[in-house]
PDB file of N, CA and C in Angstrom:
ATOM      1  N   MET A   1      26.606  10.580 -36.316  1.00  0.00           N
ATOM      2  CA  MET A   1      25.918  10.770 -35.053  1.00  0.00           C
ATOM      3  C   MET A   1      26.409  12.078 -34.446  1.00  0.00           C
ATOM      4  N   ASN A   2      25.481  12.838 -33.907  1.00  0.00           N
ATOM      5  CA  ASN A   2      25.849  14.093 -33.260  1.00  0.00           C
ATOM      6  C   ASN A   2      25.797  13.930 -31.737  1.00  0.00           C
ATOM      7  N   LEU A   3      26.155  14.983 -31.036  1.00  0.00           N
ATOM      8  CA  LEU A   3      26.224  14.929 -29.576  1.00  0.00           C
ATOM      9  C   LEU A   3      24.868  14.608 -28.954  1.00  0.00           C
ATOM     10  N   GLY A   4      23.813  15.209 -29.458  1.00  0.00           N
ATOM     11  CA  GLY A   4      22.480  14.959 -28.914  1.00  0.00           C
ATOM     12  C   GLY A   4      22.077  13.496 -29.008  1.00  0.00           C
ATOM     13  N   LYS A   5      22.382  12.879 -30.145  1.00  0.00           N
ATOM     14  CA  LYS A   5      22.059  11.463 -30.323  1.00  0.00           C
ATOM     15  C   LYS A   5      22.927  10.586 -29.420  1.00  0.00           C
ATOM     16  N   LEU A   6      24.170  10.983 -29.209  1.00  0.00           N
ATOM     17  CA  LEU A   6      25.036  10.227 -28.314  1.00  0.00           C
ATOM     18  C   LEU A   6      24.517  10.300 -26.877  1.00  0.00           C
ATOM     19  N   VAL A   7      24.106  11.469 -26.449  1.00  0.00           N
ATOM     20  CA  VAL A   7      23.553  11.623 -25.100  1.00  0.00           C
ATOM     21  C   VAL A   7      22.298  10.771 -24.962  1.00  0.00           C
ATOM     22  N   ARG A   8      21.439  10.765 -25.981  1.00  0.00           N
ATOM     23  CA  ARG A   8      20.222   9.950 -25.965  1.00  0.00           C
ATOM     24  C   ARG A   8      20.590   8.470 -25.904  1.00  0.00           C
ATOM     25  N   PHE A   9      21.604   8.064 -26.658  1.00  0.00           N
ATOM     26  CA  PHE A   9      22.099   6.689 -26.633  1.00  0.00           C
ATOM     27  C   PHE A   9      22.520   6.315 -25.208  1.00  0.00           C
ATOM     28  N   CYS A  10      23.267   7.202 -24.564  1.00  0.00           N
ATOM     29  CA  CYS A  10      23.750   6.937 -23.207  1.00  0.00           C
ATOM     30  C   CYS A  10      22.597   6.830 -22.213  1.00  0.00           C
ATOM     31  N   ILE A  11      21.587   7.643 -22.385  1.00  0.00           N
ATOM     32  CA  ILE A  11      20.411   7.567 -21.511  1.00  0.00           C
ATOM     33  C   ILE A  11      19.669   6.254 -21.746  1.00  0.00           C
ATOM     34  N   ASP A  12      19.437   5.930 -23.028  1.00  0.00           N
ATOM     35  CA  ASP A  12      18.703   4.709 -23.369  1.00  0.00           C
ATOM     36  C   ASP A  12      19.395   3.453 -22.856  1.00  0.00           C
ATOM     37  N   PHE A  13      20.725   3.436 -22.908  1.00  0.00           N
ATOM     38  CA  PHE A  13      21.482   2.268 -22.485  1.00  0.00           C
ATOM     39  C   PHE A  13      22.032   2.405 -21.067  1.00  0.00           C
ATOM     40  N   GLN A  14      21.528   3.392 -20.341  1.00  0.00           N
ATOM     41  CA  GLN A  14      21.829   3.600 -18.924  1.00  0.00           C
ATOM     42  C   GLN A  14      23.330   3.649 -18.639  1.00  0.00           C
ATOM     43  N   VAL A  15      24.046   4.414 -19.455  1.00  0.00           N
ATOM     44  CA  VAL A  15      25.475   4.630 -19.229  1.00  0.00           C
ATOM     45  C   VAL A  15      25.592   5.549 -18.010  1.00  0.00           C
ATOM     46  N   PRO A  16      26.240   5.088 -16.939  1.00  0.00           N
ATOM     47  CA  PRO A  16      26.243   5.851 -15.679  1.00  0.00           C
ATOM     48  C   PRO A  16      27.259   6.994 -15.646  1.00  0.00           C
ATOM     49  N   LEU A  17      27.095   7.932 -16.570  1.00  0.00           N
ATOM     50  CA  LEU A  17      27.950   9.115 -16.598  1.00  0.00           C
ATOM     51  C   LEU A  17      27.080  10.352 -16.771  1.00  0.00           C
ATOM     52  N   PRO A  18      27.495  11.459 -16.165  1.00  0.00           N
ATOM     53  CA  PRO A  18      26.737  12.695 -16.372  1.00  0.00           C
ATOM     54  C   PRO A  18      26.933  13.222 -17.797  1.00  0.00           C
ATOM     55  N   LYS A  19      25.999  14.025 -18.222  1.00  0.00           N
ATOM     56  CA  LYS A  19      26.019  14.588 -19.573  1.00  0.00           C
ATOM     57  C   LYS A  19      27.333  15.331 -19.849  1.00  0.00           C
ATOM     58  N   LEU A  20      27.856  16.009 -18.851  1.00  0.00           N
ATOM     59  CA  LEU A  20      29.106  16.758 -19.015  1.00  0.00           C
ATOM     60  C   LEU A  20      30.262  15.828 -19.390  1.00  0.00           C
ATOM     61  N   SER A  21      30.332  14.662 -18.776  1.00  0.00           N
ATOM     62  CA  SER A  21      31.385  13.692 -19.100  1.00  0.00           C
ATOM     63  C   SER A  21      31.212  13.145 -20.507  1.00  0.00           C
ATOM     64  N   VAL A  22      29.975  12.854 -20.891  1.00  0.00           N
ATOM     65  CA  VAL A  22      29.696  12.363 -22.246  1.00  0.00           C
ATOM     66  C   VAL A  22      30.103  13.417 -23.272  1.00  0.00           C
ATOM     67  N   THR A  23      29.766  14.665 -22.995  1.00  0.00           N
ATOM     68  CA  THR A  23      30.129  15.763 -23.890  1.00  0.00           C
ATOM     69  C   THR A  23      31.639  15.893 -24.015  1.00  0.00           C
ATOM     70  N   SER A  24      32.336  15.782 -22.907  1.00  0.00           N
ATOM     71  CA  SER A  24      33.790  15.890 -22.909  1.00  0.00           C
ATOM     72  C   SER A  24      34.431  14.801 -23.765  1.00  0.00           C
ATOM     73  N   VAL A  25      33.964  13.573 -23.615  1.00  0.00           N
ATOM     74  CA  VAL A  25      34.491  12.460 -24.411  1.00  0.00           C
ATOM     75  C   VAL A  25      34.187  12.687 -25.881  1.00  0.00           C
ATOM     76  N   PHE A  26      32.970  13.113 -26.191  1.00  0.00           N
ATOM     77  CA  PHE A  26      32.578  13.379 -27.581  1.00  0.00           C
ATOM     78  C   PHE A  26      33.514  14.406 -28.220  1.00  0.00           C
ATOM     79  N   LYS A  27      33.785  15.472 -27.501  1.00  0.00           N
ATOM     80  CA  LYS A  27      34.637  16.534 -28.047  1.00  0.00           C
ATOM     81  C   LYS A  27      36.084  16.085 -28.227  1.00  0.00           C
ATOM     82  N   ARG A  28      36.542  15.150 -27.399  1.00  0.00           N
ATOM     83  CA  ARG A  28      37.896  14.632 -27.560  1.00  0.00           C
ATOM     84  C   ARG A  28      38.028  13.761 -28.804  1.00  0.00           C
ATOM     85  N   VAL A  29      36.949  13.111 -29.203  1.00  0.00           N
ATOM     86  CA  VAL A  29      36.997  12.170 -30.328  1.00  0.00           C
ATOM     87  C   VAL A  29      36.718  12.852 -31.661  1.00  0.00           C
ATOM     88  N   THR A  30      35.779  13.777 -31.682  1.00  0.00           N
ATOM     89  CA  THR A  30      35.375  14.384 -32.957  1.00  0.00           C
ATOM     90  C   THR A  30      36.374  15.427 -33.432  1.00  0.00           C
ATOM     91  N   THR A  31      36.433  15.581 -34.729  1.00  0.00           N
ATOM     92  CA  THR A  31      37.335  16.578 -35.306  1.00  0.00           C
ATOM     93  C   THR A  31      36.620  17.893 -35.585  1.00  0.00           C
ATOM     94  N   ASN A  32      35.305  17.827 -35.811  1.00  0.00           N
ATOM     95  CA  ASN A  32      34.580  19.044 -36.164  1.00  0.00           C
ATOM     96  C   ASN A  32      33.532  19.445 -35.134  1.00  0.00           C
ATOM     97  N   SER A  33      33.423  18.712 -34.023  1.00  0.00           N
ATOM     98  CA  SER A  33      32.478  18.984 -32.929  1.00  0.00           C
ATOM     99  C   SER A  33      31.006  18.923 -33.345  1.00  0.00           C
ATOM    100  N   HIS A  34      30.719  18.316 -34.507  1.00  0.00           N
ATOM    101  CA  HIS A  34      29.321  18.200 -34.933  1.00  0.00           C
ATOM    102  C   HIS A  34      28.897  16.741 -35.070  1.00  0.00           C
ATOM    103  N   ASP A  35      29.542  16.013 -35.937  1.00  0.00           N
ATOM    104  CA  ASP A  35      29.161  14.631 -36.202  1.00  0.00           C
ATOM    105  C   ASP A  35      30.372  13.716 -36.079  1.00  0.00           C
ATOM    106  N   ILE A  36      30.087  12.458 -35.719  1.00  0.00           N
ATOM    107  CA  ILE A  36      31.160  11.471 -35.662  1.00  0.00           C
ATOM    108  C   ILE A  36      30.830  10.335 -36.627  1.00  0.00           C
ATOM    109  N   THR A  37      31.886   9.707 -37.124  1.00  0.00           N
ATOM    110  CA  THR A  37      31.730   8.551 -38.002  1.00  0.00           C
ATOM    111  C   THR A  37      31.514   7.306 -37.149  1.00  0.00           C
ATOM    112  N   TYR A  38      31.259   6.182 -37.819  1.00  0.00           N
ATOM    113  CA  TYR A  38      31.073   4.928 -37.092  1.00  0.00           C
ATOM    114  C   TYR A  38      32.337   4.548 -36.324  1.00  0.00           C
ATOM    115  N   ASP A  39      33.499   4.705 -36.951  1.00  0.00           N
ATOM    116  CA  ASP A  39      34.761   4.394 -36.262  1.00  0.00           C
ATOM    117  C   ASP A  39      34.975   5.302 -35.055  1.00  0.00           C
ATOM    118  N   GLN A  40      34.624   6.585 -35.191  1.00  0.00           N
ATOM    119  CA  GLN A  40      34.729   7.506 -34.061  1.00  0.00           C
ATOM    120  C   GLN A  40      33.721   7.137 -32.971  1.00  0.00           C
ATOM    121  N   PHE A  41      32.548   6.638 -33.373  1.00  0.00           N
ATOM    122  CA  PHE A  41      31.546   6.186 -32.408  1.00  0.00           C
ATOM    123  C   PHE A  41      32.108   5.038 -31.581  1.00  0.00           C
ATOM    124  N   LYS A  42      32.747   4.073 -32.229  1.00  0.00           N
ATOM    125  CA  LYS A  42      33.341   2.948 -31.509  1.00  0.00           C
ATOM    126  C   LYS A  42      34.414   3.438 -30.539  1.00  0.00           C
ATOM    127  N   GLU A  43      35.217   4.386 -30.986  1.00  0.00           N
ATOM    128  CA  GLU A  43      36.248   4.965 -30.117  1.00  0.00           C
ATOM    129  C   GLU A  43      35.614   5.696 -28.931  1.00  0.00           C
ATOM    130  N   THR A  44      34.524   6.389 -29.198  1.00  0.00           N
ATOM    131  CA  THR A  44      33.802   7.108 -28.142  1.00  0.00           C
ATOM    132  C   THR A  44      33.277   6.140 -27.092  1.00  0.00           C
ATOM    133  N   ILE A  45      32.702   5.024 -27.533  1.00  0.00           N
ATOM    134  CA  ILE A  45      32.181   4.027 -26.593  1.00  0.00           C
ATOM    135  C   ILE A  45      33.311   3.502 -25.708  1.00  0.00           C
ATOM    136  N   GLU A  46      34.455   3.209 -26.309  1.00  0.00           N
ATOM    137  CA  GLU A  46      35.598   2.738 -25.524  1.00  0.00           C
ATOM    138  C   GLU A  46      36.007   3.772 -24.481  1.00  0.00           C
ATOM    139  N   LYS A  47      36.080   5.032 -24.893  1.00  0.00           N
ATOM    140  CA  LYS A  47      36.493   6.095 -23.971  1.00  0.00           C
ATOM    141  C   LYS A  47      35.449   6.328 -22.879  1.00  0.00           C
ATOM    142  N   LEU A  48      34.169   6.167 -23.209  1.00  0.00           N
ATOM    143  CA  LEU A  48      33.120   6.315 -22.201  1.00  0.00           C
ATOM    144  C   LEU A  48      33.287   5.260 -21.109  1.00  0.00           C
ATOM    145  N   PHE A  49      33.591   4.045 -21.500  1.00  0.00           N
ATOM    146  CA  PHE A  49      33.723   2.999 -20.499  1.00  0.00           C
ATOM    147  C   PHE A  49      35.020   3.106 -19.713  1.00  0.00           C
ATOM    148  N   VAL A  50      36.040   3.677 -20.301  1.00  0.00           N
ATOM    149  CA  VAL A  50      37.252   3.997 -19.533  1.00  0.00           C
ATOM    150  C   VAL A  50      36.898   5.031 -18.468  1.00  0.00           C
ATOM    151  N   GLU A  51      36.105   6.023 -18.856  1.00  0.00           N
ATOM    152  CA  GLU A  51      35.679   7.069 -17.928  1.00  0.00           C
ATOM    153  C   GLU A  51      34.826   6.483 -16.795  1.00  0.00           C
ATOM    154  N   ILE A  52      33.949   5.549 -17.130  1.00  0.00           N
ATOM    155  CA  ILE A  52      33.122   4.891 -16.111  1.00  0.00           C
ATOM    156  C   ILE A  52      34.017   4.177 -15.103  1.00  0.00           C
ATOM    157  N   ASN A  53      35.016   3.469 -15.593  1.00  0.00           N
ATOM    158  CA  ASN A  53      35.906   2.740 -14.693  1.00  0.00           C
ATOM    159  C   ASN A  53      36.737   3.684 -13.824  1.00  0.00           C
ATOM    160  N   LYS A  54      37.138   4.819 -14.374  1.00  0.00           N
ATOM    161  CA  LYS A  54      37.855   5.816 -13.569  1.00  0.00           C
ATOM    162  C   LYS A  54      36.968   6.307 -12.434  1.00  0.00           C
ATOM    163  N   THR A  55      35.706   6.575 -12.751  1.00  0.00           N
ATOM    164  CA  THR A  55      34.751   7.054 -11.751  1.00  0.00           C
ATOM    165  C   THR A  55      34.540   5.999 -10.670  1.00  0.00           C
ATOM    166  N   ARG A  56      34.376   4.755 -11.085  1.00  0.00           N
ATOM    167  CA  ARG A  56      34.182   3.677 -10.106  1.00  0.00           C
ATOM    168  C   ARG A  56      35.413   3.515  -9.218  1.00  0.00           C
ATOM    169  N   ALA A  57      36.593   3.631  -9.811  1.00  0.00           N
ATOM    170  CA  ALA A  57      37.832   3.498  -9.030  1.00  0.00           C
ATOM    171  C   ALA A  57      37.937   4.621  -8.003  1.00  0.00           C
ATOM    172  N   ARG A  58      37.597   5.855  -8.414  1.00  0.00           N
ATOM    173  CA  ARG A  58      37.631   6.988  -7.477  1.00  0.00           C
ATOM    174  C   ARG A  58      36.649   6.762  -6.328  1.00  0.00           C
ATOM    175  N   ASP A  59      35.435   6.299  -6.665  1.00  0.00           N
ATOM    176  CA  ASP A  59      34.427   6.047  -5.644  1.00  0.00           C
ATOM    177  C   ASP A  59      34.880   4.960  -4.675  1.00  0.00           C
ATOM    178  N   LEU A  60      35.504   3.916  -5.202  1.00  0.00           N
ATOM    179  CA  LEU A  60      35.973   2.836  -4.352  1.00  0.00           C
ATOM    180  C   LEU A  60      37.096   3.305  -3.427  1.00  0.00           C
ATOM    181  N   LYS A  61      38.003   4.113  -3.957  1.00  0.00           N
ATOM    182  CA  LYS A  61      39.078   4.654  -3.120  1.00  0.00           C
ATOM    183  C   LYS A  61      38.509   5.483  -1.975  1.00  0.00           C
ATOM    184  N   LYS A  62      37.473   6.283  -2.269  1.00  0.00           N
ATOM    185  CA  LYS A  62      36.840   7.087  -1.215  1.00  0.00           C
ATOM    186  C   LYS A  62      36.212   6.198  -0.157  1.00  0.00           C
ATOM    187  N   LYS A  63      35.521   5.124  -0.600  1.00  0.00           N
ATOM    188  CA  LYS A  63      34.882   4.213   0.353  1.00  0.00           C
ATOM    189  C   LYS A  63      35.922   3.540   1.237  1.00  0.00           C
ATOM    190  N   VAL A  64      37.027   3.113   0.640  1.00  0.00           N
ATOM    191  CA  VAL A  64      38.079   2.459   1.418  1.00  0.00           C
ATOM    192  C   VAL A  64      38.673   3.439   2.418  1.00  0.00           C
ATOM    193  N   LYS A  65      38.946   4.645   1.959  1.00  0.00           N
ATOM    194  CA  LYS A  65      39.528   5.660   2.848  1.00  0.00           C
ATOM    195  C   LYS A  65      38.586   5.965   4.014  1.00  0.00           C
ATOM    196  N   ASN A  66      37.294   6.154   3.710  1.00  0.00           N
ATOM    197  CA  ASN A  66      36.321   6.437   4.770  1.00  0.00           C
ATOM    198  C   ASN A  66      36.150   5.240   5.701  1.00  0.00           C
ATOM    199  N   GLY A  67      36.163   4.043   5.136  1.00  0.00           N
ATOM    200  CA  GLY A  67      36.027   2.841   5.957  1.00  0.00           C
ATOM    201  C   GLY A  67      37.208   2.656   6.881  1.00  0.00           C
ATOM    202  N   GLN A  68      38.403   2.940   6.376  1.00  0.00           N
ATOM    203  CA  GLN A  68      39.597   2.798   7.212  1.00  0.00           C
ATOM    204  C   GLN A  68      39.599   3.839   8.327  1.00  0.00           C
ATOM    205  N   LYS A  69      39.045   5.014   8.061  1.00  0.00           N
ATOM    206  CA  LYS A  69      38.928   6.022   9.120  1.00  0.00           C
ATOM    207  C   LYS A  69      38.025   5.511  10.236  1.00  0.00           C
ATOM    208  N   ASN A  70      37.046   4.676   9.853  1.00  0.00           N
ATOM    209  CA  ASN A  70      36.106   4.138  10.828  1.00  0.00           C
ATOM    210  C   ASN A  70      36.581   2.812  11.416  1.00  0.00           C
ATOM    211  N   GLY A  71      37.827   2.442  11.140  1.00  0.00           N
ATOM    212  CA  GLY A  71      38.397   1.242  11.733  1.00  0.00           C
ATOM    213  C   GLY A  71      38.047  -0.055  11.027  1.00  0.00           C
ATOM    214  N   LEU A  72      37.581  -0.003   9.789  1.00  0.00           N
ATOM    215  CA  LEU A  72      37.230  -1.217   9.051  1.00  0.00           C
ATOM    216  C   LEU A  72      38.412  -1.684   8.207  1.00  0.00           C
ATOM    217  N   SER A  73      38.503  -2.993   8.010  1.00  0.00           N
ATOM    218  CA  SER A  73      39.534  -3.529   7.122  1.00  0.00           C
ATOM    219  C   SER A  73      39.028  -3.463   5.682  1.00  0.00           C
ATOM    220  N   VAL A  74      39.918  -3.631   4.727  1.00  0.00           N
ATOM    221  CA  VAL A  74      39.534  -3.615   3.318  1.00  0.00           C
ATOM    222  C   VAL A  74      38.536  -4.730   3.034  1.00  0.00           C
ATOM    223  N   GLU A  75      38.723  -5.892   3.667  1.00  0.00           N
ATOM    224  CA  GLU A  75      37.809  -7.021   3.472  1.00  0.00           C
ATOM    225  C   GLU A  75      36.411  -6.687   3.974  1.00  0.00           C
ATOM    226  N   GLN A  76      36.313  -6.024   5.106  1.00  0.00           N
ATOM    227  CA  GLN A  76      35.008  -5.635   5.652  1.00  0.00           C
ATOM    228  C   GLN A  76      34.330  -4.617   4.728  1.00  0.00           C
ATOM    229  N   ILE A  77      35.097  -3.709   4.192  1.00  0.00           N
ATOM    230  CA  ILE A  77      34.544  -2.702   3.280  1.00  0.00           C
ATOM    231  C   ILE A  77      34.040  -3.391   2.015  1.00  0.00           C
ATOM    232  N   HIS A  78      34.834  -4.337   1.511  1.00  0.00           N
ATOM    233  CA  HIS A  78      34.443  -5.075   0.308  1.00  0.00           C
ATOM    234  C   HIS A  78      33.135  -5.836   0.547  1.00  0.00           C
ATOM    235  N   GLU A  79      33.025  -6.511   1.655  1.00  0.00           N
ATOM    236  CA  GLU A  79      31.804  -7.256   1.993  1.00  0.00           C
ATOM    237  C   GLU A  79      30.591  -6.335   2.100  1.00  0.00           C
ATOM    238  N   ALA A  80      30.795  -5.157   2.658  1.00  0.00           N
ATOM    239  CA  ALA A  80      29.685  -4.206   2.840  1.00  0.00           C
ATOM    240  C   ALA A  80      29.197  -3.654   1.499  1.00  0.00           C
ATOM    241  N   ASN A  81      30.039  -3.661   0.471  1.00  0.00           N
ATOM    242  CA  ASN A  81      29.668  -3.096  -0.832  1.00  0.00           C
ATOM    243  C   ASN A  81      29.159  -4.118  -1.821  1.00  0.00           C
ATOM    244  N   ARG A  82      28.977  -5.337  -1.405  1.00  0.00           N
ATOM    245  CA  ARG A  82      28.449  -6.371  -2.309  1.00  0.00           C
ATOM    246  C   ARG A  82      26.991  -6.256  -2.483  1.00  0.00           C
TER     247      ARG A  82
END
């Protein structure tokens, strides 16, 4: 699988990451920057979802910080984001 097919895979399966992040993960996993093996594909999927969770954690920290500036408790912020 090459980078273009991986990006298409991410679009088809609605992976919530920008193309730049997908490209970065692909380049970290591949040895030749052209094609990846099935085992490298599995590793790429794992790394993509780690990246998704990092992004979600950053977004949540921002929401909590902004909510606390507005005088909200963590519980109120959590309820508002459900």
